[in-house]
Amino acid sequence: MVVDAAAAEEAGAAVSAHDALAVVEIASPSARATDRKLKPALYTAAGIEH
């Protein structure tokens, strides 16, 4: 996850989805369907554009 530096400093260990600028998934064979179908929709709903 790429997060704005100021948001990362304020958040500590947990960062809110609205502070995420981009998320990268490494698709595993056992979770490929979830990684490619479900998660992009969840990221979009959370306002993560990339």
C-alpha atoms as a PDB file:
ATOM      1  CA  MET A   1       0.000   0.000   0.000  1.00  0.00           C
ATOM      2  CA  VAL A   2       1.209   3.487  -0.810  1.00  0.00           C
ATOM      3  CA  VAL A   3       0.056   6.051   1.713  1.00  0.00           C
ATOM      4  CA  ASP A   4       0.520   9.790   2.018  1.00  0.00           C
ATOM      5  CA  ALA A   5       3.462  10.461   4.363  1.00  0.00           C
ATOM      6  CA  ALA A   6       1.480  12.760   6.677  1.00  0.00           C
ATOM      7  CA  ALA A   7      -1.318  10.206   7.010  1.00  0.00           C
ATOM      8  CA  ALA A   8       1.195   7.448   7.763  1.00  0.00           C
ATOM      9  CA  GLU A   9       2.803   9.491  10.541  1.00  0.00           C
ATOM     10  CA  GLU A  10      -0.560  10.213  12.158  1.00  0.00           C
ATOM     11  CA  ALA A  11      -1.929   6.679  11.783  1.00  0.00           C
ATOM     12  CA  GLY A  12       0.827   4.615  13.359  1.00  0.00           C
ATOM     13  CA  ALA A  13       0.396   0.878  12.654  1.00  0.00           C
ATOM     14  CA  ALA A  14      -3.069   0.973  11.043  1.00  0.00           C
ATOM     15  CA  VAL A  15      -3.920   3.196   8.100  1.00  0.00           C
ATOM     16  CA  SER A  16      -7.470   4.009   7.027  1.00  0.00           C
ATOM     17  CA  ALA A  17      -8.505   3.011   3.518  1.00  0.00           C
ATOM     18  CA  HIS A  18      -9.267   6.633   2.624  1.00  0.00           C
ATOM     19  CA  ASP A  19      -5.561   7.441   3.169  1.00  0.00           C
ATOM     20  CA  ALA A  20      -4.385   4.802   0.677  1.00  0.00           C
ATOM     21  CA  LEU A  21      -3.139   6.165  -2.629  1.00  0.00           C
ATOM     22  CA  ALA A  22      -2.468   2.778  -4.251  1.00  0.00           C
ATOM     23  CA  VAL A  23      -2.608  -0.906  -3.315  1.00  0.00           C
ATOM     24  CA  VAL A  24      -0.605  -3.738  -4.878  1.00  0.00           C
ATOM     25  CA  GLU A  25      -1.778  -7.342  -4.642  1.00  0.00           C
ATOM     26  CA  ILE A  26       0.408 -10.369  -5.218  1.00  0.00           C
ATOM     27  CA  ALA A  27      -2.050 -12.981  -6.394  1.00  0.00           C
ATOM     28  CA  SER A  28      -1.523 -16.403  -4.896  1.00  0.00           C
ATOM     29  CA  PRO A  29      -2.823 -19.497  -6.682  1.00  0.00           C
ATOM     30  CA  SER A  30      -5.095 -20.390  -3.763  1.00  0.00           C
ATOM     31  CA  ALA A  31      -6.698 -16.929  -3.588  1.00  0.00           C
ATOM     32  CA  ARG A  32      -6.504 -15.805  -7.216  1.00  0.00           C
ATOM     33  CA  ALA A  33     -10.287 -15.446  -7.671  1.00  0.00           C
ATOM     34  CA  THR A  34     -10.589 -13.322  -4.533  1.00  0.00           C
ATOM     35  CA  ASP A  35      -7.547 -11.234  -5.440  1.00  0.00           C
ATOM     36  CA  ARG A  36      -8.779 -10.487  -8.961  1.00  0.00           C
ATOM     37  CA  LYS A  37     -12.568 -10.250  -8.523  1.00  0.00           C
ATOM     38  CA  LEU A  38     -13.526  -9.329  -4.970  1.00  0.00           C
ATOM     39  CA  LYS A  39     -10.667  -7.150  -3.780  1.00  0.00           C
ATOM     40  CA  PRO A  40     -10.678  -4.642  -6.676  1.00  0.00           C
ATOM     41  CA  ALA A  41     -14.366  -3.988  -6.007  1.00  0.00           C
ATOM     42  CA  LEU A  42     -13.662  -3.493  -2.305  1.00  0.00           C
ATOM     43  CA  TYR A  43     -10.805  -1.094  -3.050  1.00  0.00           C
ATOM     44  CA  THR A  44     -13.013   0.891  -5.426  1.00  0.00           C
ATOM     45  CA  ALA A  45     -15.792   1.085  -2.829  1.00  0.00           C
ATOM     46  CA  ALA A  46     -13.240   2.366  -0.304  1.00  0.00           C
ATOM     47  CA  GLY A  47     -12.175   5.119  -2.722  1.00  0.00           C
ATOM     48  CA  ILE A  48      -8.767   3.647  -3.590  1.00  0.00           C
ATOM     49  CA  GLU A  49      -8.242   4.543  -7.251  1.00  0.00           C
ATOM     50  CA  HIS A  50      -5.100   2.552  -7.981  1.00  0.00           C
END
